[in-house]
């Protein structure tokens, strides 16, 4: 499908776009190329193609849910500047 300058100007008016007159021919060519690609994709026979939920139809590889580190809470609270009842005390940042 080929668009001419009037088509591009009408599209720009409907989209409320202000485009330079010197760019209209470039826009016409680019939009025509896009529409040609869409026509080409529409002409492909997809009757025997099964729809997919995901383009790669992949599944997540998940690791086992297991503890890999030991609990070091006591050690970290000993070196913290301020701790109270097992919680870290920090300066107030929002008034």
C-alpha atoms as a PDB file:
ATOM      1  CA  UNK A   1       0.000   0.000   0.000  1.00  0.00           C
ATOM      2  CA  UNK A   2       1.394   3.343  -0.981  1.00  0.00           C
ATOM      3  CA  UNK A   3       0.633   6.555   0.866  1.00  0.00           C
ATOM      4  CA  UNK A   4       0.959   9.962  -0.724  1.00  0.00           C
ATOM      5  CA  UNK A   5       1.576  13.367   0.833  1.00  0.00           C
ATOM      6  CA  UNK A   6      -2.132  14.080   1.295  1.00  0.00           C
ATOM      7  CA  UNK A   7      -2.578  10.836   3.251  1.00  0.00           C
ATOM      8  CA  UNK A   8       0.290  11.707   5.570  1.00  0.00           C
ATOM      9  CA  UNK A   9      -1.037  15.219   6.099  1.00  0.00           C
ATOM     10  CA  UNK A  10      -4.499  13.827   6.914  1.00  0.00           C
ATOM     11  CA  UNK A  11      -3.021  11.295   9.369  1.00  0.00           C
ATOM     12  CA  UNK A  12      -0.964  14.046  11.005  1.00  0.00           C
ATOM     13  CA  UNK A  13      -4.057  16.237  11.302  1.00  0.00           C
ATOM     14  CA  UNK A  14      -6.107  13.414  12.873  1.00  0.00           C
ATOM     15  CA  UNK A  15      -3.271  12.639  15.297  1.00  0.00           C
ATOM     16  CA  UNK A  16      -2.876  16.350  16.053  1.00  0.00           C
ATOM     17  CA  UNK A  17       0.775  16.266  14.981  1.00  0.00           C
ATOM     18  CA  UNK A  18       2.613  19.207  13.513  1.00  0.00           C
ATOM     19  CA  UNK A  19       5.114  17.957  10.957  1.00  0.00           C
ATOM     20  CA  UNK A  20       7.397  19.918   8.660  1.00  0.00           C
ATOM     21  CA  UNK A  21       6.454  19.944   4.994  1.00  0.00           C
ATOM     22  CA  UNK A  22       9.995  18.909   4.130  1.00  0.00           C
ATOM     23  CA  UNK A  23       9.536  15.676   6.121  1.00  0.00           C
ATOM     24  CA  UNK A  24       6.191  14.638   4.612  1.00  0.00           C
ATOM     25  CA  UNK A  25       7.691  12.605   1.750  1.00  0.00           C
ATOM     26  CA  UNK A  26       9.975  10.702   4.162  1.00  0.00           C
ATOM     27  CA  UNK A  27       7.005   9.947   6.427  1.00  0.00           C
ATOM     28  CA  UNK A  28       4.998   8.765   3.428  1.00  0.00           C
ATOM     29  CA  UNK A  29       7.764   6.373   2.414  1.00  0.00           C
ATOM     30  CA  UNK A  30       8.280   5.018   5.950  1.00  0.00           C
ATOM     31  CA  UNK A  31       4.563   4.522   6.573  1.00  0.00           C
ATOM     32  CA  UNK A  32       4.164   2.841   3.184  1.00  0.00           C
ATOM     33  CA  UNK A  33       6.992   0.433   4.056  1.00  0.00           C
ATOM     34  CA  UNK A  34       5.326  -0.401   7.373  1.00  0.00           C
ATOM     35  CA  UNK A  35       1.977  -1.040   5.693  1.00  0.00           C
ATOM     36  CA  UNK A  36       3.662  -3.213   3.057  1.00  0.00           C
ATOM     37  CA  UNK A  37       5.221  -5.301   5.824  1.00  0.00           C
ATOM     38  CA  UNK A  38       1.830  -5.694   7.514  1.00  0.00           C
ATOM     39  CA  UNK A  39       0.297  -6.821   4.214  1.00  0.00           C
ATOM     40  CA  UNK A  40       3.136  -9.309   3.757  1.00  0.00           C
ATOM     41  CA  UNK A  41       2.589 -10.728   7.263  1.00  0.00           C
ATOM     42  CA  UNK A  42      -1.178 -10.949   6.685  1.00  0.00           C
ATOM     43  CA  UNK A  43      -0.624 -12.994   3.543  1.00  0.00           C
ATOM     44  CA  UNK A  44       1.195 -15.769   5.437  1.00  0.00           C
ATOM     45  CA  UNK A  45      -0.890 -18.926   5.827  1.00  0.00           C
ATOM     46  CA  UNK A  46      -1.267 -19.633   9.552  1.00  0.00           C
ATOM     47  CA  UNK A  47      -4.080 -22.203   9.397  1.00  0.00           C
ATOM     48  CA  UNK A  48      -1.993 -25.057  10.819  1.00  0.00           C
ATOM     49  CA  UNK A  49      -0.150 -22.959  13.413  1.00  0.00           C
ATOM     50  CA  UNK A  50      -1.254 -23.570  16.979  1.00  0.00           C
ATOM     51  CA  UNK A  51      -1.503 -20.434  19.142  1.00  0.00           C
ATOM     52  CA  UNK A  52       0.999 -20.191  21.978  1.00  0.00           C
ATOM     53  CA  UNK A  53       0.710 -18.529  25.372  1.00  0.00           C
ATOM     54  CA  UNK A  54       4.350 -17.455  25.221  1.00  0.00           C
ATOM     55  CA  UNK A  55       6.500 -16.911  22.109  1.00  0.00           C
ATOM     56  CA  UNK A  56       9.282 -19.189  23.292  1.00  0.00           C
ATOM     57  CA  UNK A  57       6.934 -21.613  25.084  1.00  0.00           C
ATOM     58  CA  UNK A  58       9.567 -21.944  27.809  1.00  0.00           C
ATOM     59  CA  UNK A  59       9.273 -22.889  31.445  1.00  0.00           C
ATOM     60  CA  UNK A  60      11.217 -21.452  34.339  1.00  0.00           C
ATOM     61  CA  UNK A  61      14.138 -23.446  35.648  1.00  0.00           C
ATOM     62  CA  UNK A  62      13.848 -23.072  39.385  1.00  0.00           C
ATOM     63  CA  UNK A  63      16.477 -24.044  41.918  1.00  0.00           C
ATOM     64  CA  UNK A  64      15.666 -26.151  44.929  1.00  0.00           C
ATOM     65  CA  UNK A  65      14.361 -24.168  47.896  1.00  0.00           C
ATOM     66  CA  UNK A  66      17.022 -24.984  50.445  1.00  0.00           C
ATOM     67  CA  UNK A  67      18.923 -23.033  53.083  1.00  0.00           C
ATOM     68  CA  UNK A  68      22.435 -22.248  51.896  1.00  0.00           C
ATOM     69  CA  UNK A  69      23.608 -19.789  54.543  1.00  0.00           C
ATOM     70  CA  UNK A  70      23.658 -20.060  58.288  1.00  0.00           C
ATOM     71  CA  UNK A  71      21.796 -17.631  60.536  1.00  0.00           C
ATOM     72  CA  UNK A  72      24.258 -14.897  61.559  1.00  0.00           C
ATOM     73  CA  UNK A  73      21.787 -12.507  63.169  1.00  0.00           C
ATOM     74  CA  UNK A  74      23.515 -12.505  66.570  1.00  0.00           C
ATOM     75  CA  UNK A  75      26.895 -11.754  65.006  1.00  0.00           C
ATOM     76  CA  UNK A  76      25.560  -8.857  62.924  1.00  0.00           C
ATOM     77  CA  UNK A  77      23.624  -7.359  65.821  1.00  0.00           C
ATOM     78  CA  UNK A  78      26.760  -7.361  67.984  1.00  0.00           C
ATOM     79  CA  UNK A  79      28.540  -5.101  65.494  1.00  0.00           C
ATOM     80  CA  UNK A  80      25.510  -2.875  64.719  1.00  0.00           C
ATOM     81  CA  UNK A  81      25.602   0.699  66.092  1.00  0.00           C
ATOM     82  CA  UNK A  82      22.227   0.403  67.861  1.00  0.00           C
ATOM     83  CA  UNK A  83      19.970  -2.605  68.538  1.00  0.00           C
ATOM     84  CA  UNK A  84      16.880  -2.914  70.696  1.00  0.00           C
ATOM     85  CA  UNK A  85      14.814  -6.100  71.252  1.00  0.00           C
ATOM     86  CA  UNK A  86      16.429  -7.790  68.254  1.00  0.00           C
ATOM     87  CA  UNK A  87      15.736  -4.849  65.904  1.00  0.00           C
ATOM     88  CA  UNK A  88      18.184  -2.460  64.287  1.00  0.00           C
ATOM     89  CA  UNK A  89      17.675   1.176  65.298  1.00  0.00           C
ATOM     90  CA  UNK A  90      18.222   3.765  62.577  1.00  0.00           C
ATOM     91  CA  UNK A  91      17.989   7.566  62.529  1.00  0.00           C
ATOM     92  CA  UNK A  92      14.634   9.069  61.678  1.00  0.00           C
ATOM     93  CA  UNK A  93      14.691  10.284  58.073  1.00  0.00           C
ATOM     94  CA  UNK A  94      11.102  11.516  57.630  1.00  0.00           C
ATOM     95  CA  UNK A  95       9.561  14.064  59.958  1.00  0.00           C
END
